[in-house]
């Protein structure tokens, strides 16, 4: 069989991904991406972490608001 079946399957999958509603738990995702609470900075990056400081660890909230609205 030719391209017809493959294209039909791709179309079906694309529609399913496009129209299916996802229940994403962003709190859990954020926790997973941040890593363990007591993690240490690798020695190779210690000077950068010291230079940056703990206050700069989280991005400012207003900086990304425009990106969320435009997307």
C-alpha atoms as a PDB file:
ATOM      1  CA  UNK A   1       0.000   0.000   0.000  1.00  0.00           C
ATOM      2  CA  UNK A   2       1.137   3.468  -0.695  1.00  0.00           C
ATOM      3  CA  UNK A   3       1.160   6.831   0.929  1.00  0.00           C
ATOM      4  CA  UNK A   4      -2.619   6.964   1.555  1.00  0.00           C
ATOM      5  CA  UNK A   5      -2.671   4.922   4.738  1.00  0.00           C
ATOM      6  CA  UNK A   6       0.407   6.600   6.189  1.00  0.00           C
ATOM      7  CA  UNK A   7      -0.988  10.053   5.489  1.00  0.00           C
ATOM      8  CA  UNK A   8      -4.369   9.128   6.977  1.00  0.00           C
ATOM      9  CA  UNK A   9      -2.673   7.889  10.141  1.00  0.00           C
ATOM     10  CA  UNK A  10      -0.548  11.062  10.417  1.00  0.00           C
ATOM     11  CA  UNK A  11      -3.655  13.208   9.947  1.00  0.00           C
ATOM     12  CA  UNK A  12      -5.500  11.247  12.633  1.00  0.00           C
ATOM     13  CA  UNK A  13      -2.643  11.629  15.117  1.00  0.00           C
ATOM     14  CA  UNK A  14      -2.246  15.343  14.326  1.00  0.00           C
ATOM     15  CA  UNK A  15      -5.953  15.994  14.895  1.00  0.00           C
ATOM     16  CA  UNK A  16      -5.901  14.066  18.143  1.00  0.00           C
ATOM     17  CA  UNK A  17      -2.957  16.096  19.427  1.00  0.00           C
ATOM     18  CA  UNK A  18      -4.491  19.369  18.280  1.00  0.00           C
ATOM     19  CA  UNK A  19      -7.950  18.941  19.741  1.00  0.00           C
ATOM     20  CA  UNK A  20      -7.366  16.792  22.822  1.00  0.00           C
ATOM     21  CA  UNK A  21      -7.420  18.775  26.051  1.00  0.00           C
ATOM     22  CA  UNK A  22      -4.468  18.173  28.309  1.00  0.00           C
ATOM     23  CA  UNK A  23      -4.776  18.408  32.075  1.00  0.00           C
ATOM     24  CA  UNK A  24      -1.275  19.590  32.886  1.00  0.00           C
ATOM     25  CA  UNK A  25      -0.272  19.976  36.515  1.00  0.00           C
ATOM     26  CA  UNK A  26       2.128  22.899  36.205  1.00  0.00           C
ATOM     27  CA  UNK A  27       3.059  22.837  39.897  1.00  0.00           C
ATOM     28  CA  UNK A  28       4.343  19.277  39.623  1.00  0.00           C
ATOM     29  CA  UNK A  29       6.102  20.079  36.354  1.00  0.00           C
ATOM     30  CA  UNK A  30       7.845  23.085  37.907  1.00  0.00           C
ATOM     31  CA  UNK A  31       8.952  20.999  40.898  1.00  0.00           C
ATOM     32  CA  UNK A  32      10.304  18.325  38.557  1.00  0.00           C
ATOM     33  CA  UNK A  33      12.243  20.835  36.454  1.00  0.00           C
ATOM     34  CA  UNK A  34      13.728  22.621  39.458  1.00  0.00           C
ATOM     35  CA  UNK A  35      15.153  19.396  40.863  1.00  0.00           C
ATOM     36  CA  UNK A  36      15.714  18.470  44.495  1.00  0.00           C
ATOM     37  CA  UNK A  37      15.414  21.218  47.100  1.00  0.00           C
ATOM     38  CA  UNK A  38      18.855  20.760  48.625  1.00  0.00           C
ATOM     39  CA  UNK A  39      20.794  20.456  45.379  1.00  0.00           C
ATOM     40  CA  UNK A  40      24.313  21.782  45.208  1.00  0.00           C
ATOM     41  CA  UNK A  41      25.880  23.660  42.361  1.00  0.00           C
ATOM     42  CA  UNK A  42      28.555  21.621  40.554  1.00  0.00           C
ATOM     43  CA  UNK A  43      32.088  22.867  41.323  1.00  0.00           C
ATOM     44  CA  UNK A  44      32.624  23.942  37.712  1.00  0.00           C
ATOM     45  CA  UNK A  45      29.751  26.442  38.031  1.00  0.00           C
ATOM     46  CA  UNK A  46      30.312  27.579  41.627  1.00  0.00           C
ATOM     47  CA  UNK A  47      31.880  30.896  40.573  1.00  0.00           C
ATOM     48  CA  UNK A  48      28.919  31.685  38.293  1.00  0.00           C
ATOM     49  CA  UNK A  49      26.397  30.792  40.994  1.00  0.00           C
ATOM     50  CA  UNK A  50      28.235  32.966  43.483  1.00  0.00           C
ATOM     51  CA  UNK A  51      28.347  35.848  41.005  1.00  0.00           C
ATOM     52  CA  UNK A  52      24.651  35.513  40.176  1.00  0.00           C
ATOM     53  CA  UNK A  53      23.506  35.097  43.771  1.00  0.00           C
ATOM     54  CA  UNK A  54      20.419  33.462  45.219  1.00  0.00           C
ATOM     55  CA  UNK A  55      18.151  36.466  44.535  1.00  0.00           C
ATOM     56  CA  UNK A  56      18.521  36.073  40.780  1.00  0.00           C
ATOM     57  CA  UNK A  57      17.627  32.372  40.758  1.00  0.00           C
ATOM     58  CA  UNK A  58      13.957  32.912  39.835  1.00  0.00           C
ATOM     59  CA  UNK A  59      13.097  34.921  36.719  1.00  0.00           C
ATOM     60  CA  UNK A  60      11.040  38.079  37.202  1.00  0.00           C
ATOM     61  CA  UNK A  61       7.349  37.348  36.796  1.00  0.00           C
ATOM     62  CA  UNK A  62       6.575  40.286  34.491  1.00  0.00           C
ATOM     63  CA  UNK A  63       9.293  39.418  31.991  1.00  0.00           C
ATOM     64  CA  UNK A  64       7.427  36.423  30.561  1.00  0.00           C
ATOM     65  CA  UNK A  65       3.854  37.711  30.698  1.00  0.00           C
ATOM     66  CA  UNK A  66       4.047  39.195  27.195  1.00  0.00           C
ATOM     67  CA  UNK A  67       5.316  35.897  25.774  1.00  0.00           C
ATOM     68  CA  UNK A  68       2.416  33.997  27.307  1.00  0.00           C
ATOM     69  CA  UNK A  69      -0.142  36.373  25.870  1.00  0.00           C
ATOM     70  CA  UNK A  70       1.372  36.397  22.380  1.00  0.00           C
ATOM     71  CA  UNK A  71       1.516  32.567  22.173  1.00  0.00           C
END
